[in-house]
Amino acid sequence: MASIIKRKKNYAIVYNYTNENGESKQKWESVPTYKEAIRRKAEVENQLLSGTYIPPVQQSVTEFLKDFVSTYGEKRWGISMYDGCTALIGNYIDPIIGDMHIQSINTRAVDKYIQTLRKTPCVSTPTRKPSTKYVTDKTIEKIIKLLSCAFGQAVRWELIGKNPFKNAVLPKTVYKRREIWTAEMIRTALDACTDSRLYVAINLAFACSLRMGEILGLTWNNVHITDADIAKDDASVYIDKELTRASKHAIEMLGERDIYYIFKPLLCDTKTRLILKKPKTETSIRKIWLPKTLAYILRKWRQSQEEMKGFLGDEYQDFNLVVAQSNGRPCDDRIILKEFSKLKETAGLPNVVFHSLRHSSTTYKLKLNHGDLKATQGDTGHAEIDMITKIYAHILDEDRKINAQKFENAFYANPDLREVKAPSEPAQPSVDVQALAEQLSRSPDLLTSLSRMVAAQQAPHQPC
């Protein structure tokens, strides 16, 4: 069914196959060694006999990914996922391997692609400047994960025989430990904070373990801080949406699925929109109980908003948002982050990102509840409890010192251990006089040497 032909230094496997139109076509495949030619010949013949042979497809990676996004991504991805994946395709996939045919992508090509990515400069956008010169290992991991999903679908659609990205060897990603603020640092930050919006945001992030989008998407109808609620220790917030920025293209392609509201932009030619949307996971929809002090902080903040609403009148755009701009419009996260950056410098605090407050919150709660992961997971809204143990449960040095103190009190306080004494000097062995006399009688030389040693010790020392 297939034959091997020598062509200069290479070998060609020649065989006939039937294309998708039922036409008989001849295929030549070149390999560098005769051993590889024999292996490939057997492989092709087996595929032709078993009906598993996949005819050549002249489809480029770019063309295939367009099909993949339209038939797979638009049905399964959310707004943020769609924007993220299409950005990776446009920035780091199409420009590098977009012109290659999908059937020419093998394991070796994948390895070369990963090497190329590590030398590829990060793409800059009008709203985001890269923090590193070249594509990071973490981004490469995301790219390969996306391509593995895409080429997995190509196998399912019978465009290729196997997924070359499935077992790709990725660069070893070193996850840098995220620095966090201690409770004392957060108190210092709150004391130094002069921006009311930021003050409320910090309290919600630390006390409620909220993400930035959840804070900015929180509405007053989901805040329960009546006198009765506070008196019964039942003051709470209910998280069922988040504020995020999405591209206009993503909204048009995916429709308004999981979108509650699209805010009208101030400028008509902007390519993005602020939206209120459903949280990314079902577990993110949750009720979180408030400390009484935070409940009173929120009541005072609401009162100030009502005063501003009365002052501005019709100019106030009421979207019922807890953290909003002075005129009621949604507060972009860049506004909060800008004020947060000023606060860090003013208060002389360590340079952490705002999301670190969520890490601080999780750590602090684990300390207070003695490691109750389930209760902590209820506040953070994580789908997997491993996320808490692996990423968010930072161990502070002061607590490690306390561990040593507790170990001392619990273990070494045992009287039997505290009264342990150092080992005594070993007893000097007793001399068997009779055995020594018998030994000396058998060895005159030993007797002579011993006599000289005794005489030397007894003789008076002569001055030098």
Protein backbone atom coordinates (compact mmCIF):
# COMPACT_ATOMS: atom_id res chain seq x y z
CA MET A 1 0.00 0.00 0.00
CA ALA A 2 2.94 2.30 0.63
CA SER A 3 6.47 2.26 -0.75
CA ILE A 4 9.83 3.75 0.20
CA ILE A 5 11.90 5.64 -2.38
CA LYS A 6 15.46 6.88 -1.86
CA ARG A 7 15.78 10.58 -2.71
CA LYS A 8 19.37 11.83 -2.42
CA LYS A 9 20.04 11.83 1.35
CA ASN A 10 16.40 11.40 2.37
CA TYR A 11 13.73 8.74 2.01
CA ALA A 12 10.18 9.29 0.78
CA ILE A 13 7.10 7.27 1.77
CA VAL A 14 4.72 7.23 -1.20
CA TYR A 15 1.09 6.13 -0.91
CA ASN A 16 -2.39 6.80 -2.26
CA TYR A 17 -5.34 8.03 -0.22
CA THR A 18 -8.91 9.18 -0.83
CA ASN A 19 -9.67 12.80 -0.03
CA GLU A 20 -12.90 14.24 1.40
CA ASN A 21 -14.35 14.51 -2.13
CA GLY A 22 -13.78 10.79 -2.85
CA GLU A 23 -10.87 11.47 -5.20
CA SER A 24 -7.71 9.32 -5.20
CA LYS A 25 -4.58 11.36 -4.43
CA GLN A 26 -0.90 10.48 -4.08
CA LYS A 27 1.08 11.64 -1.04
CA TRP A 28 4.88 11.90 -0.65
CA GLU A 29 6.30 12.23 2.86
CA SER A 30 10.04 12.80 3.34
CA VAL A 31 12.05 11.56 6.34
CA PRO A 32 15.84 11.72 6.93
CA THR A 33 16.56 8.02 7.77
CA TYR A 34 15.56 4.60 6.45
CA LYS A 35 14.57 3.52 9.96
CA GLU A 36 12.06 6.38 10.22
CA ALA A 37 10.79 5.56 6.72
CA ILE A 38 10.03 1.95 7.73
CA ARG A 39 8.22 3.13 10.87
CA ARG A 40 6.17 5.73 9.00
CA LYS A 41 5.33 3.25 6.20
CA ALA A 42 3.92 0.77 8.74
CA GLU A 43 2.01 3.55 10.49
CA VAL A 44 0.42 4.82 7.25
CA GLU A 45 -0.53 1.31 6.09
CA ASN A 46 -2.14 0.57 9.45
CA GLN A 47 -4.15 3.82 9.31
CA LEU A 48 -5.28 3.17 5.74
CA LEU A 49 -6.39 -0.39 6.58
CA SER A 50 -8.19 0.60 9.79
CA GLY A 51 -9.84 3.66 8.26
CA THR A 52 -8.20 6.06 10.75
CA TYR A 53 -6.07 7.88 8.20
CA ILE A 54 -6.67 11.63 8.18
CA PRO A 55 -6.25 13.24 4.75
CA PRO A 56 -4.04 16.35 4.49
CA VAL A 57 -5.79 19.60 5.43
CA GLN A 58 -4.39 22.82 3.99
CA GLN A 59 -5.65 24.92 6.90
CA SER A 60 -3.39 27.38 8.66
CA VAL A 61 -3.29 27.83 12.43
CA THR A 62 -4.86 31.29 12.05
CA GLU A 63 -7.76 29.92 9.99
CA PHE A 64 -8.28 27.02 12.36
CA LEU A 65 -8.28 29.24 15.48
CA LYS A 66 -10.95 31.47 13.91
CA ASP A 67 -13.14 28.40 13.53
CA PHE A 68 -12.25 27.26 17.05
CA VAL A 69 -13.19 30.60 18.64
CA SER A 70 -16.46 30.88 16.72
CA THR A 71 -17.63 27.27 17.26
CA TYR A 72 -16.16 26.55 20.69
CA GLY A 73 -15.16 29.76 22.47
CA GLU A 74 -18.30 31.75 21.80
CA LYS A 75 -20.41 28.98 23.36
CA ARG A 76 -18.26 28.18 26.38
CA TRP A 77 -16.30 31.29 27.33
CA GLY A 78 -17.44 34.22 29.41
CA ILE A 79 -16.70 37.84 28.52
CA SER A 80 -13.36 38.05 30.38
CA MET A 81 -12.22 34.65 29.12
CA TYR A 82 -13.10 35.60 25.54
CA ASP A 83 -11.13 38.84 25.74
CA GLY A 84 -8.15 37.10 27.33
CA CYS A 85 -7.97 34.23 24.83
CA THR A 86 -8.46 36.37 21.73
CA ALA A 87 -5.75 38.72 23.00
CA LEU A 88 -3.31 35.80 23.37
CA ILE A 89 -4.17 34.59 19.85
CA GLY A 90 -3.75 38.03 18.31
CA ASN A 91 -0.58 38.96 20.21
CA TYR A 92 1.43 35.75 20.56
CA ILE A 93 0.00 32.95 18.38
CA ASP A 94 -0.98 34.32 14.97
CA PRO A 95 2.17 36.46 14.53
CA ILE A 96 4.49 33.49 15.24
CA ILE A 97 2.86 30.25 14.02
CA GLY A 98 -0.29 31.56 12.37
CA ASP A 99 0.90 30.76 8.82
CA MET A 100 1.85 27.14 9.62
CA HIS A 101 -0.52 24.34 8.62
CA ILE A 102 -2.10 22.66 11.61
CA GLN A 103 -0.92 19.21 10.46
CA SER A 104 2.68 20.44 10.39
CA ILE A 105 2.58 21.30 14.10
CA ASN A 106 4.38 18.45 15.85
CA THR A 107 6.12 18.09 19.22
CA ARG A 108 9.36 19.49 17.87
CA ALA A 109 7.55 22.53 16.42
CA VAL A 110 5.90 23.10 19.81
CA ASP A 111 9.28 23.06 21.59
CA LYS A 112 10.68 25.60 19.10
CA TYR A 113 7.58 27.76 19.53
CA ILE A 114 8.02 27.83 23.32
CA GLN A 115 11.68 28.84 22.87
CA THR A 116 10.58 31.65 20.55
CA LEU A 117 7.98 32.86 23.03
CA ARG A 118 10.61 33.22 25.77
CA LYS A 119 12.47 35.68 23.50
CA THR A 120 9.34 37.54 22.38
CA PRO A 121 8.80 41.08 23.77
CA CYS A 122 5.58 41.66 25.69
CA VAL A 123 2.85 43.45 23.76
CA SER A 124 1.90 46.87 25.05
CA THR A 125 -1.65 48.24 24.87
CA PRO A 126 -2.98 51.81 25.28
CA THR A 127 -4.36 50.95 28.73
CA ARG A 128 -1.73 48.49 29.97
CA LYS A 129 2.04 48.65 29.98
CA PRO A 130 3.91 45.34 30.47
CA SER A 131 5.83 44.86 33.70
CA THR A 132 8.47 42.62 32.06
CA LYS A 133 10.48 42.90 28.85
CA TYR A 134 9.71 39.43 27.51
CA VAL A 135 6.73 37.08 27.72
CA THR A 136 6.67 35.52 31.16
CA ASP A 137 6.63 31.79 31.84
CA LYS A 138 3.18 32.19 33.38
CA THR A 139 1.84 33.72 30.15
CA ILE A 140 3.49 30.95 28.11
CA GLU A 141 1.66 28.44 30.30
CA LYS A 142 -1.65 30.17 29.47
CA ILE A 143 -0.85 30.18 25.74
CA ILE A 144 0.00 26.47 25.65
CA LYS A 145 -3.09 25.65 27.70
CA LEU A 146 -5.23 27.51 25.16
CA LEU A 147 -3.55 25.77 22.21
CA SER A 148 -3.86 22.38 23.89
CA CYS A 149 -7.61 22.97 24.21
CA ALA A 150 -7.84 24.13 20.59
CA PHE A 151 -5.83 21.24 19.13
CA GLY A 152 -7.77 18.83 21.31
CA GLN A 153 -10.84 19.99 19.43
CA ALA A 154 -8.92 19.54 16.15
CA VAL A 155 -8.41 15.86 17.09
CA ARG A 156 -12.11 15.58 17.94
CA TRP A 157 -13.00 17.16 14.57
CA GLU A 158 -10.63 14.65 12.88
CA LEU A 159 -8.41 17.35 11.42
CA ILE A 160 -5.26 15.94 13.04
CA GLY A 161 -4.29 12.59 14.51
CA LYS A 162 -2.98 13.69 17.91
CA ASN A 163 -2.62 16.80 20.03
CA PRO A 164 1.02 18.04 19.91
CA PHE A 165 0.45 20.48 22.79
CA LYS A 166 -0.93 17.91 25.22
CA ASN A 167 2.40 16.97 26.82
CA ALA A 168 4.40 20.09 26.00
CA VAL A 169 7.45 20.70 28.20
CA LEU A 170 6.82 24.11 29.74
CA PRO A 171 9.40 26.39 31.37
CA LYS A 172 9.46 25.91 35.11
CA THR A 173 7.25 28.64 36.49
CA VAL A 174 8.52 30.09 39.77
CA TYR A 175 5.57 31.58 41.61
CA LYS A 176 6.75 34.54 43.60
CA ARG A 177 5.26 34.74 47.04
CA ARG A 178 2.86 37.66 47.18
CA GLU A 179 3.69 40.10 49.95
CA ILE A 180 0.80 41.03 52.24
CA TRP A 181 0.03 43.57 54.91
CA THR A 182 -0.43 42.50 58.51
CA ALA A 183 -3.47 43.61 60.48
CA GLU A 184 -1.37 46.36 62.09
CA MET A 185 -0.31 47.64 58.65
CA ILE A 186 -3.92 47.75 57.50
CA ARG A 187 -4.85 49.76 60.61
CA THR A 188 -2.03 52.16 59.75
CA ALA A 189 -3.32 52.44 56.19
CA LEU A 190 -6.88 53.15 57.36
CA ASP A 191 -5.65 55.80 59.80
CA ALA A 192 -3.73 57.53 57.00
CA CYS A 193 -6.45 57.17 54.34
CA THR A 194 -8.15 60.43 53.35
CA ASP A 195 -10.12 59.15 50.32
CA SER A 196 -13.56 57.94 51.43
CA ARG A 197 -14.05 55.54 48.51
CA LEU A 198 -10.69 53.90 49.12
CA TYR A 199 -11.41 53.73 52.87
CA VAL A 200 -14.63 51.78 52.23
CA ALA A 201 -12.92 49.58 49.61
CA ILE A 202 -10.07 48.62 51.96
CA ASN A 203 -12.52 47.67 54.71
CA LEU A 204 -14.59 45.52 52.34
CA ALA A 205 -11.49 43.82 50.91
CA PHE A 206 -10.05 42.97 54.33
CA ALA A 207 -13.15 42.24 56.41
CA CYS A 208 -15.14 40.49 53.65
CA SER A 209 -12.35 38.99 51.49
CA LEU A 210 -13.85 40.65 48.41
CA ARG A 211 -12.22 40.94 45.00
CA MET A 212 -11.91 44.37 43.42
CA GLY A 213 -14.67 43.67 40.88
CA GLU A 214 -16.99 42.47 43.67
CA ILE A 215 -16.40 45.65 45.68
CA LEU A 216 -17.06 47.92 42.71
CA GLY A 217 -20.11 45.90 41.66
CA LEU A 218 -21.74 45.81 45.10
CA THR A 219 -25.15 47.53 45.17
CA TRP A 220 -27.02 48.90 48.17
CA ASN A 221 -29.95 46.50 47.76
CA ASN A 222 -27.49 43.71 48.66
CA VAL A 223 -26.22 45.47 51.81
CA HIS A 224 -28.21 44.62 54.97
CA ILE A 225 -27.28 47.04 57.76
CA THR A 226 -30.54 47.95 59.49
CA ASP A 227 -30.65 48.41 63.27
CA ALA A 228 -32.30 45.01 63.57
CA ASP A 229 -29.60 43.36 61.43
CA ILE A 230 -26.81 44.87 63.50
CA ALA A 231 -28.51 44.08 66.82
CA LYS A 232 -28.82 40.40 65.85
CA ASP A 233 -25.24 40.27 64.48
CA ASP A 234 -26.85 39.59 61.11
CA ALA A 235 -25.47 42.55 59.16
CA SER A 236 -24.27 41.21 55.82
CA VAL A 237 -23.59 41.76 52.13
CA TYR A 238 -24.74 39.51 49.31
CA ILE A 239 -22.36 39.11 46.37
CA ASP A 240 -24.08 38.23 43.10
CA LYS A 241 -22.35 40.45 40.53
CA GLU A 242 -19.09 42.16 39.72
CA LEU A 243 -17.96 45.22 37.78
CA THR A 244 -15.47 44.62 34.97
CA ARG A 245 -14.32 46.14 31.71
CA ALA A 246 -14.98 44.18 28.53
CA SER A 247 -14.27 44.84 24.88
CA LYS A 248 -17.13 46.00 22.68
CA HIS A 249 -16.24 43.18 20.27
CA ALA A 250 -16.62 40.51 22.98
CA ILE A 251 -20.03 41.86 23.95
CA GLU A 252 -21.15 41.82 20.32
CA MET A 253 -19.88 38.27 19.72
CA LEU A 254 -21.16 36.69 22.93
CA GLY A 255 -24.28 38.75 23.34
CA GLU A 256 -25.42 39.88 26.78
CA ARG A 257 -25.23 36.44 28.35
CA ASP A 258 -24.50 36.78 32.09
CA ILE A 259 -24.44 40.59 31.72
CA TYR A 260 -26.82 42.52 33.98
CA TYR A 261 -26.04 46.03 32.81
CA ILE A 262 -23.82 47.82 30.28
CA PHE A 263 -22.84 51.33 31.31
CA LYS A 264 -22.93 53.96 28.60
CA PRO A 265 -19.41 55.26 27.92
CA LEU A 266 -18.55 58.92 28.24
CA LEU A 267 -16.80 58.80 24.83
CA CYS A 268 -18.58 57.10 21.93
CA ASP A 269 -15.43 55.87 20.18
CA THR A 270 -14.10 53.79 23.08
CA LYS A 271 -13.52 50.09 22.34
CA THR A 272 -14.42 48.89 25.85
CA ARG A 273 -17.41 49.08 28.15
CA LEU A 274 -17.87 48.86 31.92
CA ILE A 275 -20.39 46.14 32.69
CA LEU A 276 -22.10 44.54 35.66
CA LYS A 277 -21.95 40.79 35.18
CA LYS A 278 -22.47 37.49 36.92
CA PRO A 279 -19.43 36.34 38.95
CA LYS A 280 -17.03 33.94 37.28
CA THR A 281 -18.05 30.91 39.39
CA GLU A 282 -21.21 29.80 41.16
CA THR A 283 -19.34 29.68 44.49
CA SER A 284 -18.56 33.38 44.09
CA ILE A 285 -22.26 34.08 44.70
CA ARG A 286 -22.36 34.19 48.48
CA LYS A 287 -23.49 35.92 51.65
CA ILE A 288 -20.83 37.45 53.91
CA TRP A 289 -21.51 38.63 57.45
CA LEU A 290 -20.15 42.03 58.47
CA PRO A 291 -18.39 43.10 61.66
CA LYS A 292 -20.53 45.70 63.43
CA THR A 293 -17.96 48.46 62.95
CA LEU A 294 -17.94 47.93 59.20
CA ALA A 295 -21.74 48.00 59.18
CA TYR A 296 -21.66 51.45 60.83
CA ILE A 297 -18.95 52.60 58.39
CA LEU A 298 -21.20 51.63 55.49
CA ARG A 299 -24.19 53.42 57.03
CA LYS A 300 -22.19 56.61 57.37
CA TRP A 301 -20.89 56.24 53.81
CA ARG A 302 -24.44 55.79 52.50
CA GLN A 303 -25.54 58.91 54.35
CA SER A 304 -22.77 60.93 52.65
CA GLN A 305 -23.86 59.54 49.26
CA GLU A 306 -27.45 60.62 49.92
CA GLU A 307 -26.24 64.10 50.77
CA MET A 308 -24.25 64.26 47.51
CA LYS A 309 -27.28 62.99 45.60
CA GLY A 310 -29.42 65.77 47.06
CA PHE A 311 -26.75 68.36 46.29
CA LEU A 312 -26.31 67.33 42.62
CA GLY A 313 -29.98 66.67 41.95
CA ASP A 314 -30.59 65.53 38.37
CA GLU A 315 -26.84 65.57 37.66
CA TYR A 316 -26.43 62.55 39.94
CA GLN A 317 -26.58 59.26 37.99
CA ASP A 318 -27.95 56.79 40.50
CA PHE A 319 -26.91 53.18 39.74
CA ASN A 320 -27.28 52.16 43.41
CA LEU A 321 -23.56 51.33 43.62
CA VAL A 322 -21.89 51.26 47.04
CA VAL A 323 -18.49 52.38 45.76
CA ALA A 324 -19.18 54.95 43.05
CA GLN A 325 -17.84 58.24 41.77
CA SER A 326 -19.12 61.50 43.21
CA ASN A 327 -21.76 61.76 40.49
CA GLY A 328 -22.94 58.16 41.00
CA ARG A 329 -21.25 56.67 37.91
CA PRO A 330 -19.36 53.36 38.30
CA CYS A 331 -15.86 53.64 39.69
CA ASP A 332 -13.22 52.15 37.40
CA ASP A 333 -10.63 50.10 39.28
CA ARG A 334 -7.90 52.45 37.99
CA ILE A 335 -9.34 55.21 40.20
CA ILE A 336 -9.05 53.04 43.32
CA LEU A 337 -5.58 51.76 42.37
CA LYS A 338 -4.30 55.30 41.81
CA GLU A 339 -5.43 56.39 45.28
CA PHE A 340 -4.11 53.16 46.79
CA SER A 341 -0.68 53.87 45.30
CA LYS A 342 -0.69 57.34 46.89
CA LEU A 343 -1.71 55.89 50.26
CA LYS A 344 1.17 53.39 50.31
CA GLU A 345 3.66 56.18 49.75
CA THR A 346 2.07 58.56 52.25
CA ALA A 347 1.80 55.96 55.02
CA GLY A 348 5.25 54.49 54.33
CA LEU A 349 3.83 50.99 53.94
CA PRO A 350 5.28 48.05 51.95
CA ASN A 351 4.47 48.12 48.24
CA VAL A 352 1.72 45.53 47.77
CA VAL A 353 -1.06 45.29 45.19
CA PHE A 354 -4.67 45.89 46.21
CA HIS A 355 -5.52 42.20 45.74
CA SER A 356 -3.03 41.45 48.54
CA LEU A 357 -5.64 42.74 51.00
CA ARG A 358 -7.72 39.69 50.06
CA HIS A 359 -4.71 37.51 50.88
CA SER A 360 -4.30 39.35 54.19
CA SER A 361 -7.98 38.81 54.94
CA THR A 362 -7.82 35.09 54.29
CA THR A 363 -4.71 34.68 56.41
CA TYR A 364 -6.14 36.70 59.28
CA LYS A 365 -9.39 34.71 59.27
CA LEU A 366 -7.51 31.41 59.32
CA LYS A 367 -5.66 32.67 62.39
CA LEU A 368 -8.88 33.71 64.13
CA ASN A 369 -10.82 30.53 63.35
CA HIS A 370 -7.85 28.20 63.97
CA GLY A 371 -7.61 26.97 60.40
CA ASP A 372 -11.30 26.47 59.59
CA LEU A 373 -10.84 26.18 55.81
CA LYS A 374 -14.51 25.61 55.03
CA ALA A 375 -15.68 28.74 56.83
CA THR A 376 -12.93 30.78 55.19
CA GLN A 377 -13.79 29.37 51.77
CA GLY A 378 -17.38 30.53 52.30
CA ASP A 379 -16.17 34.12 52.62
CA THR A 380 -13.61 34.05 49.80
CA GLY A 381 -15.92 32.32 47.30
CA HIS A 382 -13.28 29.94 45.94
CA ALA A 383 -14.56 26.95 43.98
CA GLU A 384 -11.68 24.77 45.22
CA ILE A 385 -10.53 24.73 48.84
CA ASP A 386 -6.96 24.01 47.62
CA MET A 387 -6.77 27.62 46.44
CA ILE A 388 -6.81 28.70 50.08
CA THR A 389 -4.18 26.26 51.31
CA LYS A 390 -1.82 26.74 48.35
CA ILE A 391 -2.03 30.44 47.60
CA TYR A 392 -3.82 32.56 50.18
CA ALA A 393 -2.84 31.05 53.53
CA HIS A 394 0.30 33.09 54.18
CA ILE A 395 2.09 32.22 57.40
CA LEU A 396 3.39 35.23 59.27
CA ASP A 397 6.77 35.05 61.02
CA GLU A 398 5.26 36.13 64.33
CA ASP A 399 2.96 33.11 64.23
CA ARG A 400 5.89 30.78 63.60
CA LYS A 401 7.52 32.14 66.74
CA ILE A 402 4.29 31.46 68.61
CA ASN A 403 4.41 27.88 67.31
CA ALA A 404 7.78 27.41 69.02
CA GLN A 405 6.42 28.88 72.27
CA LYS A 406 3.37 26.61 72.17
CA PHE A 407 5.60 23.61 71.47
CA GLU A 408 7.72 24.48 74.50
CA ASN A 409 4.68 24.73 76.78
CA ALA A 410 2.92 21.66 75.41
CA PHE A 411 5.86 19.27 75.02
CA TYR A 412 8.98 20.36 76.87
CA ALA A 413 7.07 21.47 79.98
CA ASN A 414 6.86 17.77 80.94
CA PRO A 415 8.83 17.45 84.23
CA ASP A 416 10.55 14.28 83.02
CA LEU A 417 12.02 16.22 80.09
CA ARG A 418 12.94 19.36 82.01
CA GLU A 419 14.87 17.37 84.61
CA VAL A 420 17.06 15.68 82.04
CA LYS A 421 20.75 15.93 83.06
CA ALA A 422 23.84 15.73 80.92
CA PRO A 423 25.36 12.25 80.66
CA SER A 424 27.93 11.57 83.43
CA GLU A 425 31.59 10.75 82.77
CA PRO A 426 32.16 7.05 82.08
CA ALA A 427 33.52 5.10 85.11
CA GLN A 428 37.23 4.20 85.02
CA PRO A 429 37.77 0.47 84.43
CA SER A 430 39.14 -1.53 87.44
CA VAL A 431 42.62 -3.14 87.10
CA ASP A 432 42.93 -6.94 87.35
CA VAL A 433 46.28 -7.17 89.32
CA GLN A 434 46.65 -10.94 88.99
CA ALA A 435 46.17 -10.85 85.19
CA LEU A 436 48.70 -8.00 84.92
CA ALA A 437 51.30 -9.97 86.96
CA GLU A 438 50.88 -13.01 84.68
CA GLN A 439 51.32 -10.82 81.60
CA LEU A 440 54.52 -9.26 82.98
CA SER A 441 55.98 -12.69 83.86
CA ARG A 442 55.55 -13.82 80.26
CA SER A 443 57.12 -10.65 78.79
CA PRO A 444 60.43 -9.48 80.41
CA ASP A 445 60.65 -6.62 77.86
CA LEU A 446 57.25 -5.28 78.94
CA LEU A 447 58.36 -5.46 82.59
CA THR A 448 61.57 -3.53 81.79
CA SER A 449 59.64 -0.80 79.90
CA LEU A 450 57.10 -0.44 82.68
CA SER A 451 59.86 -0.13 85.32
CA ARG A 452 61.52 2.67 83.35
CA MET A 453 58.21 4.56 83.04
CA VAL A 454 57.59 4.34 86.80
CA ALA A 455 61.15 5.46 87.59
CA ALA A 456 60.84 8.44 85.22
CA GLN A 457 57.61 9.62 86.85
CA GLN A 458 59.14 9.39 90.37
CA ALA A 459 62.44 11.14 89.52
CA PRO A 460 62.65 14.87 90.47
CA HIS A 461 62.40 17.31 87.48
CA GLN A 462 65.73 18.95 86.51
CA PRO A 463 65.67 22.60 85.52
CA CYS A 464 66.18 23.28 81.79
